[in-house]
N, C-alpha and C. Protein backbone atom coordinates (compact mmCIF):
# COMPACT_ATOMS: atom_id res chain seq x y z
N MET A 1 29.73 -12.68 -7.42
CA MET A 1 29.27 -12.86 -8.79
C MET A 1 30.41 -12.47 -9.73
N SER A 2 30.45 -13.14 -10.83
CA SER A 2 31.57 -12.96 -11.76
C SER A 2 31.18 -12.05 -12.92
N GLY A 3 32.19 -11.78 -13.75
CA GLY A 3 31.96 -11.01 -14.96
C GLY A 3 31.02 -11.74 -15.91
N ALA A 4 31.09 -13.07 -15.92
CA ALA A 4 30.18 -13.86 -16.76
C ALA A 4 28.74 -13.69 -16.29
N ASP A 5 28.57 -13.65 -14.97
CA ASP A 5 27.22 -13.43 -14.43
C ASP A 5 26.70 -12.06 -14.83
N ASP A 6 27.59 -11.08 -14.77
CA ASP A 6 27.19 -9.73 -15.14
C ASP A 6 26.82 -9.66 -16.62
N GLU A 7 27.60 -10.29 -17.46
CA GLU A 7 27.30 -10.28 -18.89
C GLU A 7 25.98 -11.01 -19.17
N HIS A 8 25.74 -12.09 -18.46
CA HIS A 8 24.48 -12.82 -18.60
C HIS A 8 23.30 -11.91 -18.25
N LEU A 9 23.38 -11.25 -17.10
CA LEU A 9 22.31 -10.34 -16.69
C LEU A 9 22.17 -9.17 -17.66
N ALA A 10 23.29 -8.64 -18.13
CA ALA A 10 23.25 -7.53 -19.09
C ALA A 10 22.57 -7.96 -20.38
N ARG A 11 22.89 -9.14 -20.86
CA ARG A 11 22.27 -9.65 -22.09
C ARG A 11 20.75 -9.78 -21.90
N LEU A 12 20.33 -10.32 -20.75
CA LEU A 12 18.91 -10.47 -20.47
C LEU A 12 18.21 -9.11 -20.35
N LEU A 13 18.87 -8.18 -19.67
CA LEU A 13 18.26 -6.86 -19.49
C LEU A 13 18.16 -6.11 -20.81
N ARG A 14 19.18 -6.20 -21.65
CA ARG A 14 19.11 -5.57 -22.97
C ARG A 14 17.92 -6.11 -23.76
N ALA A 15 17.77 -7.43 -23.77
CA ALA A 15 16.66 -8.04 -24.48
C ALA A 15 15.32 -7.64 -23.86
N ALA A 16 15.28 -7.55 -22.55
CA ALA A 16 14.05 -7.16 -21.86
C ALA A 16 13.65 -5.74 -22.21
N VAL A 17 14.61 -4.83 -22.20
CA VAL A 17 14.33 -3.44 -22.55
C VAL A 17 13.85 -3.33 -24.00
N ALA A 18 14.33 -4.25 -24.84
CA ALA A 18 13.90 -4.28 -26.24
C ALA A 18 12.52 -4.92 -26.40
N GLY A 19 11.97 -5.49 -25.33
CA GLY A 19 10.62 -6.03 -25.39
C GLY A 19 10.49 -7.53 -25.28
N ASP A 20 11.57 -8.24 -25.03
CA ASP A 20 11.52 -9.70 -24.92
C ASP A 20 11.04 -10.08 -23.51
N GLU A 21 9.80 -10.54 -23.42
CA GLU A 21 9.19 -10.86 -22.12
C GLU A 21 9.85 -12.05 -21.45
N LYS A 22 10.23 -13.05 -22.21
CA LYS A 22 10.91 -14.23 -21.65
C LYS A 22 12.24 -13.83 -21.03
N ALA A 23 12.98 -12.99 -21.75
CA ALA A 23 14.26 -12.52 -21.22
C ALA A 23 14.04 -11.71 -19.95
N TYR A 24 12.95 -10.95 -19.91
CA TYR A 24 12.68 -10.13 -18.72
C TYR A 24 12.35 -11.03 -17.52
N ALA A 25 11.56 -12.06 -17.75
CA ALA A 25 11.24 -13.00 -16.66
C ALA A 25 12.53 -13.68 -16.17
N ASP A 26 13.39 -14.07 -17.08
CA ASP A 26 14.67 -14.68 -16.70
C ASP A 26 15.54 -13.69 -15.94
N PHE A 27 15.57 -12.43 -16.40
CA PHE A 27 16.35 -11.40 -15.73
C PHE A 27 15.86 -11.22 -14.29
N LEU A 28 14.54 -11.11 -14.12
CA LEU A 28 14.00 -10.90 -12.77
C LEU A 28 14.31 -12.09 -11.86
N ARG A 29 14.20 -13.30 -12.39
CA ARG A 29 14.50 -14.49 -11.60
C ARG A 29 15.97 -14.47 -11.15
N ASP A 30 16.88 -14.21 -12.09
CA ASP A 30 18.31 -14.22 -11.77
C ASP A 30 18.70 -13.03 -10.90
N ALA A 31 18.11 -11.87 -11.16
CA ALA A 31 18.39 -10.69 -10.34
C ALA A 31 17.89 -10.92 -8.92
N ALA A 32 16.72 -11.53 -8.78
CA ALA A 32 16.18 -11.81 -7.45
C ALA A 32 17.12 -12.72 -6.67
N GLN A 33 17.69 -13.68 -7.34
CA GLN A 33 18.63 -14.60 -6.68
C GLN A 33 19.85 -13.84 -6.15
N ALA A 34 20.39 -12.96 -6.98
CA ALA A 34 21.55 -12.17 -6.54
C ALA A 34 21.18 -11.24 -5.39
N ILE A 35 20.07 -10.53 -5.54
CA ILE A 35 19.65 -9.58 -4.50
C ILE A 35 19.34 -10.32 -3.20
N ARG A 36 18.71 -11.47 -3.31
CA ARG A 36 18.37 -12.26 -2.12
C ARG A 36 19.62 -12.61 -1.32
N GLY A 37 20.69 -12.96 -2.01
CA GLY A 37 21.93 -13.28 -1.31
C GLY A 37 22.47 -12.09 -0.55
N TRP A 38 22.48 -10.94 -1.20
CA TRP A 38 22.96 -9.72 -0.51
C TRP A 38 22.04 -9.38 0.66
N ALA A 39 20.74 -9.41 0.42
CA ALA A 39 19.78 -9.01 1.45
C ALA A 39 19.85 -9.92 2.67
N ARG A 40 20.05 -11.19 2.44
CA ARG A 40 20.16 -12.12 3.58
C ARG A 40 21.37 -11.80 4.44
N ARG A 41 22.47 -11.45 3.80
CA ARG A 41 23.67 -11.09 4.57
C ARG A 41 23.44 -9.77 5.33
N TRP A 42 22.81 -8.81 4.70
CA TRP A 42 22.60 -7.51 5.33
C TRP A 42 21.62 -7.58 6.49
N THR A 43 20.64 -8.47 6.40
CA THR A 43 19.54 -8.45 7.37
C THR A 43 19.71 -9.43 8.52
N ILE A 44 20.82 -10.13 8.60
CA ILE A 44 21.02 -11.09 9.68
C ILE A 44 20.89 -10.37 11.02
N GLY A 45 19.91 -10.78 11.81
CA GLY A 45 19.72 -10.24 13.15
C GLY A 45 19.27 -8.79 13.21
N GLY A 46 18.94 -8.20 12.08
CA GLY A 46 18.60 -6.78 12.09
C GLY A 46 17.13 -6.45 12.16
N GLY A 47 16.27 -7.44 12.06
CA GLY A 47 14.84 -7.17 12.14
C GLY A 47 14.20 -6.72 10.84
N VAL A 48 14.99 -6.59 9.79
CA VAL A 48 14.46 -6.25 8.47
C VAL A 48 14.29 -7.54 7.70
N ASP A 49 13.16 -7.69 7.03
CA ASP A 49 12.89 -8.91 6.27
C ASP A 49 13.62 -8.86 4.93
N ALA A 50 14.46 -9.84 4.69
CA ALA A 50 15.25 -9.89 3.45
C ALA A 50 14.34 -9.93 2.22
N GLU A 51 13.23 -10.65 2.29
CA GLU A 51 12.33 -10.75 1.13
C GLU A 51 11.68 -9.40 0.81
N ASP A 52 11.44 -8.59 1.83
CA ASP A 52 10.91 -7.24 1.58
C ASP A 52 11.92 -6.43 0.78
N VAL A 53 13.19 -6.55 1.15
CA VAL A 53 14.25 -5.84 0.43
C VAL A 53 14.32 -6.34 -1.01
N VAL A 54 14.22 -7.64 -1.19
CA VAL A 54 14.26 -8.22 -2.55
C VAL A 54 13.13 -7.67 -3.39
N GLN A 55 11.92 -7.70 -2.86
CA GLN A 55 10.76 -7.24 -3.62
C GLN A 55 10.85 -5.76 -3.95
N GLU A 56 11.24 -4.96 -2.99
CA GLU A 56 11.35 -3.52 -3.25
C GLU A 56 12.46 -3.22 -4.25
N ALA A 57 13.56 -3.94 -4.17
CA ALA A 57 14.66 -3.74 -5.12
C ALA A 57 14.24 -4.15 -6.52
N LEU A 58 13.53 -5.26 -6.65
CA LEU A 58 13.06 -5.69 -7.98
C LEU A 58 12.08 -4.68 -8.56
N LEU A 59 11.22 -4.15 -7.71
CA LEU A 59 10.28 -3.14 -8.19
C LEU A 59 11.02 -1.89 -8.66
N ALA A 60 12.01 -1.46 -7.89
CA ALA A 60 12.79 -0.28 -8.29
C ALA A 60 13.57 -0.56 -9.57
N ALA A 61 14.14 -1.76 -9.71
CA ALA A 61 14.86 -2.11 -10.94
C ALA A 61 13.90 -2.11 -12.12
N HIS A 62 12.69 -2.59 -11.90
CA HIS A 62 11.68 -2.58 -12.96
C HIS A 62 11.38 -1.15 -13.41
N VAL A 63 11.17 -0.28 -12.45
CA VAL A 63 10.85 1.11 -12.77
C VAL A 63 12.02 1.82 -13.45
N LYS A 64 13.23 1.49 -13.04
CA LYS A 64 14.43 2.18 -13.54
C LYS A 64 15.14 1.44 -14.67
N ARG A 65 14.56 0.36 -15.16
CA ARG A 65 15.26 -0.47 -16.16
C ARG A 65 15.63 0.31 -17.41
N HIS A 66 14.83 1.29 -17.78
CA HIS A 66 15.13 2.07 -18.98
C HIS A 66 16.24 3.09 -18.73
N ALA A 67 16.55 3.34 -17.46
CA ALA A 67 17.62 4.29 -17.13
C ALA A 67 18.99 3.61 -17.09
N TRP A 68 18.99 2.29 -17.08
CA TRP A 68 20.27 1.56 -17.06
C TRP A 68 20.98 1.77 -18.39
N ARG A 69 22.25 2.12 -18.31
CA ARG A 69 23.07 2.30 -19.53
C ARG A 69 23.51 0.94 -20.02
N GLU A 70 23.25 0.64 -21.27
CA GLU A 70 23.54 -0.68 -21.82
C GLU A 70 25.03 -1.03 -21.83
N ASP A 71 25.89 -0.03 -21.75
CA ASP A 71 27.32 -0.31 -21.73
C ASP A 71 27.85 -0.44 -20.30
N ALA A 72 26.98 -0.26 -19.31
CA ALA A 72 27.40 -0.33 -17.90
C ALA A 72 27.14 -1.73 -17.35
N PRO A 73 27.91 -2.14 -16.35
CA PRO A 73 27.66 -3.44 -15.74
C PRO A 73 26.33 -3.43 -14.96
N VAL A 74 25.69 -4.57 -14.92
CA VAL A 74 24.38 -4.68 -14.28
C VAL A 74 24.50 -4.94 -12.78
N ILE A 75 25.44 -5.78 -12.39
CA ILE A 75 25.52 -6.18 -10.99
C ILE A 75 25.76 -4.99 -10.05
N PRO A 76 26.68 -4.08 -10.34
CA PRO A 76 26.81 -2.93 -9.45
C PRO A 76 25.55 -2.06 -9.41
N TRP A 77 24.87 -1.96 -10.56
CA TRP A 77 23.62 -1.21 -10.64
C TRP A 77 22.56 -1.86 -9.73
N LEU A 78 22.40 -3.18 -9.83
CA LEU A 78 21.45 -3.90 -8.97
C LEU A 78 21.84 -3.81 -7.50
N HIS A 79 23.14 -3.93 -7.24
CA HIS A 79 23.63 -3.88 -5.86
C HIS A 79 23.31 -2.52 -5.23
N ALA A 80 23.51 -1.45 -5.98
CA ALA A 80 23.21 -0.11 -5.46
C ALA A 80 21.72 0.04 -5.18
N ILE A 81 20.90 -0.44 -6.08
CA ILE A 81 19.45 -0.36 -5.86
C ILE A 81 19.06 -1.15 -4.61
N ALA A 82 19.56 -2.37 -4.50
CA ALA A 82 19.23 -3.22 -3.36
C ALA A 82 19.73 -2.60 -2.06
N ARG A 83 20.94 -2.05 -2.09
CA ARG A 83 21.50 -1.44 -0.88
C ARG A 83 20.65 -0.25 -0.43
N HIS A 84 20.20 0.56 -1.38
CA HIS A 84 19.34 1.71 -1.05
C HIS A 84 18.02 1.23 -0.46
N LYS A 85 17.46 0.16 -0.99
CA LYS A 85 16.19 -0.36 -0.47
C LYS A 85 16.38 -0.95 0.93
N TYR A 86 17.53 -1.55 1.17
CA TYR A 86 17.82 -2.05 2.51
C TYR A 86 17.92 -0.89 3.50
N VAL A 87 18.63 0.16 3.12
CA VAL A 87 18.77 1.34 4.00
C VAL A 87 17.40 1.96 4.26
N ASP A 88 16.56 2.05 3.22
CA ASP A 88 15.20 2.58 3.41
C ASP A 88 14.43 1.73 4.42
N ALA A 89 14.55 0.41 4.33
CA ALA A 89 13.84 -0.49 5.25
C ALA A 89 14.33 -0.29 6.68
N VAL A 90 15.64 -0.13 6.86
CA VAL A 90 16.19 0.10 8.20
C VAL A 90 15.67 1.42 8.76
N ARG A 91 15.63 2.45 7.93
CA ARG A 91 15.13 3.75 8.39
C ARG A 91 13.66 3.67 8.78
N ARG A 92 12.86 2.96 7.96
CA ARG A 92 11.43 2.81 8.28
C ARG A 92 11.26 2.09 9.61
N GLN A 93 12.05 1.07 9.82
CA GLN A 93 11.95 0.30 11.05
C GLN A 93 12.34 1.16 12.26
N ALA A 94 13.33 2.01 12.09
CA ALA A 94 13.77 2.87 13.19
C ALA A 94 12.68 3.87 13.55
N ARG A 95 11.92 4.32 12.56
CA ARG A 95 10.84 5.28 12.83
C ARG A 95 9.64 4.62 13.46
N ARG A 96 9.45 3.31 13.20
CA ARG A 96 8.29 2.60 13.73
C ARG A 96 8.75 1.40 14.54
N PRO A 97 9.22 1.64 15.73
CA PRO A 97 9.66 0.50 16.52
C PRO A 97 8.48 -0.42 16.85
N THR A 98 8.76 -1.70 16.98
CA THR A 98 7.71 -2.65 17.30
C THR A 98 7.80 -3.04 18.76
N VAL A 99 6.65 -3.29 19.34
CA VAL A 99 6.57 -3.69 20.74
C VAL A 99 5.77 -4.98 20.79
N GLY A 100 6.28 -5.96 21.47
CA GLY A 100 5.57 -7.23 21.59
C GLY A 100 4.32 -7.08 22.43
N ILE A 101 3.28 -7.81 22.06
CA ILE A 101 2.03 -7.74 22.82
C ILE A 101 1.70 -9.07 23.50
N GLU A 102 2.69 -9.94 23.60
CA GLU A 102 2.47 -11.21 24.26
C GLU A 102 1.99 -10.95 25.69
N GLY A 103 0.95 -11.68 26.09
CA GLY A 103 0.42 -11.53 27.43
C GLY A 103 -0.65 -10.45 27.55
N LEU A 104 -0.85 -9.67 26.52
CA LEU A 104 -1.85 -8.61 26.57
C LEU A 104 -3.11 -8.94 25.77
N GLU A 105 -3.20 -10.17 25.25
CA GLU A 105 -4.31 -10.54 24.39
C GLU A 105 -5.66 -10.31 25.07
N ASP A 106 -5.78 -10.71 26.35
CA ASP A 106 -7.06 -10.57 27.05
C ASP A 106 -7.41 -9.11 27.26
N THR A 107 -6.43 -8.30 27.58
CA THR A 107 -6.67 -6.88 27.78
C THR A 107 -7.09 -6.21 26.49
N LEU A 108 -6.39 -6.51 25.42
CA LEU A 108 -6.71 -5.87 24.15
C LEU A 108 -8.06 -6.33 23.62
N ALA A 109 -8.40 -7.57 23.82
CA ALA A 109 -9.67 -8.08 23.31
C ALA A 109 -10.85 -7.49 24.06
N SER A 110 -10.67 -7.04 25.30
CA SER A 110 -11.79 -6.56 26.09
C SER A 110 -12.07 -5.07 25.89
N VAL A 111 -11.22 -4.36 25.19
CA VAL A 111 -11.44 -2.93 24.98
C VAL A 111 -12.63 -2.74 24.05
N GLU A 112 -13.59 -1.93 24.49
CA GLU A 112 -14.75 -1.68 23.65
C GLU A 112 -14.54 -0.41 22.84
N THR A 113 -15.09 -0.43 21.64
CA THR A 113 -14.99 0.77 20.81
C THR A 113 -16.02 1.79 21.28
N GLU A 114 -15.68 3.03 21.09
CA GLU A 114 -16.58 4.11 21.47
C GLU A 114 -17.72 4.18 20.48
N LYS A 115 -18.94 4.25 21.01
CA LYS A 115 -20.10 4.33 20.15
C LYS A 115 -20.74 5.71 20.30
N ALA A 116 -21.24 6.22 19.19
CA ALA A 116 -21.93 7.50 19.25
C ALA A 116 -23.29 7.30 19.89
N ARG A 117 -23.69 8.28 20.68
CA ARG A 117 -25.01 8.21 21.31
C ARG A 117 -26.06 8.68 20.31
N ASP A 118 -27.29 8.26 20.52
CA ASP A 118 -28.37 8.61 19.61
C ASP A 118 -28.51 10.12 19.44
N TRP A 119 -28.37 10.88 20.52
CA TRP A 119 -28.54 12.32 20.42
C TRP A 119 -27.41 12.95 19.61
N GLU A 120 -26.19 12.34 19.67
CA GLU A 120 -25.07 12.85 18.88
C GLU A 120 -25.31 12.60 17.39
N ILE A 121 -25.87 11.45 17.08
CA ILE A 121 -26.17 11.13 15.68
C ILE A 121 -27.26 12.08 15.17
N GLY A 122 -28.29 12.28 15.99
CA GLY A 122 -29.37 13.21 15.60
C GLY A 122 -28.84 14.61 15.38
N ARG A 123 -27.95 15.04 16.23
CA ARG A 123 -27.37 16.38 16.10
C ARG A 123 -26.56 16.50 14.81
N ALA A 124 -25.83 15.44 14.46
CA ALA A 124 -25.04 15.46 13.24
C ALA A 124 -25.93 15.50 12.01
N LEU A 125 -27.06 14.80 12.05
CA LEU A 125 -27.94 14.72 10.89
C LEU A 125 -28.86 15.92 10.74
N GLU A 126 -29.14 16.65 11.85
CA GLU A 126 -30.15 17.70 11.80
C GLU A 126 -29.81 18.86 10.87
N GLY A 127 -28.54 19.10 10.64
CA GLY A 127 -28.15 20.22 9.78
C GLY A 127 -28.13 19.88 8.30
N LEU A 128 -28.44 18.65 7.95
CA LEU A 128 -28.38 18.25 6.55
C LEU A 128 -29.70 18.52 5.83
N ALA A 129 -29.60 18.70 4.53
CA ALA A 129 -30.81 18.80 3.70
C ALA A 129 -31.54 17.47 3.80
N PRO A 130 -32.85 17.47 3.61
CA PRO A 130 -33.62 16.22 3.77
C PRO A 130 -33.12 15.06 2.92
N GLY A 131 -32.75 15.30 1.68
CA GLY A 131 -32.25 14.23 0.82
C GLY A 131 -30.94 13.66 1.32
N GLN A 132 -30.04 14.54 1.73
CA GLN A 132 -28.76 14.10 2.27
C GLN A 132 -28.97 13.32 3.56
N ARG A 133 -29.88 13.83 4.41
CA ARG A 133 -30.16 13.17 5.69
C ARG A 133 -30.65 11.75 5.45
N SER A 134 -31.56 11.58 4.49
CA SER A 134 -32.10 10.25 4.19
C SER A 134 -31.01 9.29 3.72
N VAL A 135 -30.15 9.79 2.84
CA VAL A 135 -29.08 8.95 2.29
C VAL A 135 -28.07 8.59 3.37
N VAL A 136 -27.60 9.58 4.13
CA VAL A 136 -26.61 9.32 5.18
C VAL A 136 -27.20 8.36 6.21
N ASN A 137 -28.45 8.56 6.58
CA ASN A 137 -29.10 7.67 7.53
C ASN A 137 -29.19 6.24 6.99
N ALA A 138 -29.62 6.11 5.74
CA ALA A 138 -29.78 4.78 5.14
C ALA A 138 -28.46 4.03 5.06
N ILE A 139 -27.39 4.71 4.65
CA ILE A 139 -26.11 4.02 4.45
C ILE A 139 -25.30 3.94 5.74
N SER A 140 -25.14 5.07 6.42
CA SER A 140 -24.24 5.10 7.59
C SER A 140 -24.88 4.57 8.86
N ILE A 141 -26.18 4.72 9.01
CA ILE A 141 -26.84 4.30 10.25
C ILE A 141 -27.49 2.93 10.07
N GLU A 142 -28.31 2.79 9.01
CA GLU A 142 -29.05 1.55 8.80
C GLU A 142 -28.21 0.47 8.12
N GLY A 143 -27.10 0.86 7.47
CA GLY A 143 -26.19 -0.13 6.90
C GLY A 143 -26.54 -0.60 5.50
N PHE A 144 -27.38 0.14 4.79
CA PHE A 144 -27.71 -0.23 3.42
C PHE A 144 -26.51 -0.01 2.51
N THR A 145 -26.45 -0.77 1.43
CA THR A 145 -25.46 -0.49 0.39
C THR A 145 -25.97 0.67 -0.44
N VAL A 146 -25.12 1.19 -1.32
CA VAL A 146 -25.55 2.28 -2.19
C VAL A 146 -26.72 1.84 -3.06
N ALA A 147 -26.64 0.63 -3.60
CA ALA A 147 -27.71 0.11 -4.45
C ALA A 147 -29.02 -0.04 -3.67
N GLU A 148 -28.93 -0.57 -2.45
CA GLU A 148 -30.13 -0.74 -1.63
C GLU A 148 -30.73 0.61 -1.24
N ALA A 149 -29.87 1.55 -0.88
CA ALA A 149 -30.37 2.88 -0.52
C ALA A 149 -31.02 3.55 -1.72
N ALA A 150 -30.43 3.40 -2.90
CA ALA A 150 -31.01 3.98 -4.11
C ALA A 150 -32.40 3.42 -4.36
N GLN A 151 -32.54 2.12 -4.21
CA GLN A 151 -33.84 1.50 -4.43
C GLN A 151 -34.84 1.95 -3.36
N LYS A 152 -34.42 1.97 -2.11
CA LYS A 152 -35.30 2.35 -1.00
C LYS A 152 -35.76 3.80 -1.14
N LEU A 153 -34.85 4.68 -1.56
CA LEU A 153 -35.16 6.11 -1.63
C LEU A 153 -35.64 6.54 -3.01
N ASP A 154 -35.75 5.59 -3.93
CA ASP A 154 -36.20 5.86 -5.30
C ASP A 154 -35.29 6.91 -5.96
N MET A 155 -33.98 6.65 -5.89
CA MET A 155 -32.98 7.52 -6.49
C MET A 155 -32.05 6.65 -7.34
N ASN A 156 -31.26 7.27 -8.23
CA ASN A 156 -30.26 6.47 -8.93
C ASN A 156 -29.00 6.42 -8.05
N GLU A 157 -28.15 5.43 -8.33
CA GLU A 157 -26.98 5.21 -7.47
C GLU A 157 -26.01 6.39 -7.47
N THR A 158 -25.87 7.05 -8.61
CA THR A 158 -24.97 8.21 -8.67
C THR A 158 -25.47 9.32 -7.75
N ALA A 159 -26.77 9.56 -7.77
CA ALA A 159 -27.35 10.60 -6.90
C ALA A 159 -27.15 10.23 -5.43
N VAL A 160 -27.25 8.94 -5.11
CA VAL A 160 -27.04 8.51 -3.73
C VAL A 160 -25.60 8.75 -3.31
N ARG A 161 -24.65 8.40 -4.19
CA ARG A 161 -23.24 8.63 -3.87
C ARG A 161 -22.94 10.12 -3.67
N VAL A 162 -23.49 10.95 -4.53
CA VAL A 162 -23.26 12.40 -4.42
C VAL A 162 -23.85 12.92 -3.12
N ALA A 163 -25.09 12.51 -2.81
CA ALA A 163 -25.74 12.97 -1.58
C ALA A 163 -24.97 12.48 -0.34
N LEU A 164 -24.49 11.24 -0.38
CA LEU A 164 -23.71 10.71 0.75
C LEU A 164 -22.43 11.51 0.93
N HIS A 165 -21.71 11.73 -0.16
CA HIS A 165 -20.46 12.48 -0.08
C HIS A 165 -20.70 13.89 0.45
N ARG A 166 -21.68 14.57 -0.10
CA ARG A 166 -21.97 15.95 0.35
C ARG A 166 -22.46 15.97 1.78
N GLY A 167 -23.28 15.01 2.15
CA GLY A 167 -23.77 14.96 3.52
C GLY A 167 -22.66 14.72 4.53
N LEU A 168 -21.79 13.77 4.24
CA LEU A 168 -20.67 13.50 5.16
C LEU A 168 -19.70 14.68 5.21
N ALA A 169 -19.50 15.33 4.06
CA ALA A 169 -18.64 16.52 4.04
C ALA A 169 -19.24 17.64 4.88
N ALA A 170 -20.56 17.81 4.81
CA ALA A 170 -21.23 18.85 5.60
C ALA A 170 -21.11 18.56 7.09
N ILE A 171 -21.26 17.29 7.46
CA ILE A 171 -21.11 16.91 8.87
C ILE A 171 -19.68 17.18 9.32
N ALA A 172 -18.70 16.82 8.50
CA ALA A 172 -17.30 17.04 8.86
C ALA A 172 -17.02 18.53 9.04
N ARG A 173 -17.54 19.35 8.12
CA ARG A 173 -17.35 20.81 8.25
C ARG A 173 -18.00 21.34 9.53
N ARG A 174 -19.17 20.84 9.81
CA ARG A 174 -19.92 21.33 10.97
C ARG A 174 -19.18 21.05 12.27
N PHE A 175 -18.49 19.92 12.30
CA PHE A 175 -17.78 19.56 13.52
C PHE A 175 -16.29 19.83 13.45
N GLY A 176 -15.90 20.68 12.47
CA GLY A 176 -14.52 21.16 12.40
C GLY A 176 -13.53 20.17 11.87
N ARG A 177 -13.95 19.21 11.06
CA ARG A 177 -13.03 18.23 10.49
C ARG A 177 -13.05 18.36 8.97
N ASN A 178 -12.50 19.43 8.48
CA ASN A 178 -12.54 19.66 7.03
C ASN A 178 -11.85 18.60 6.32
């Protein structure tokens, strides 16, 4: 990118910071084009998605646009932001390696989820106050919505939400999951 490109972006960013929405849209479009070029070169064969880097860099530039010094060049500022976002993406990928699951579809699809037994549910509900027990049972066991449970139990929706929250919190405390 040339000095003319930098001046063009600087002019757009100055206008954007001053409140010109059209200039800001133009700045983001042109900045995205520049960042996309860098990100594509950096991500060749690396497993990091170039578009993720572009989006994260644009978001960071948006958040930091007021910190940009109007007398400073824009392209090095954008390049630094994009480079940091690329490094962040590489670090995230290194912490969360991916493993292919090709050929395991049948195995994964057949795994059943663990279901609570009736006596376990009864044990969890027995320590609750009667109102909380009714609400937790209606919503968590019977599958009613908050509105349906409120109508069924002749309560207002706020009271149902409070009773549900307190009931679930009491169950969590009882079983050591604060």
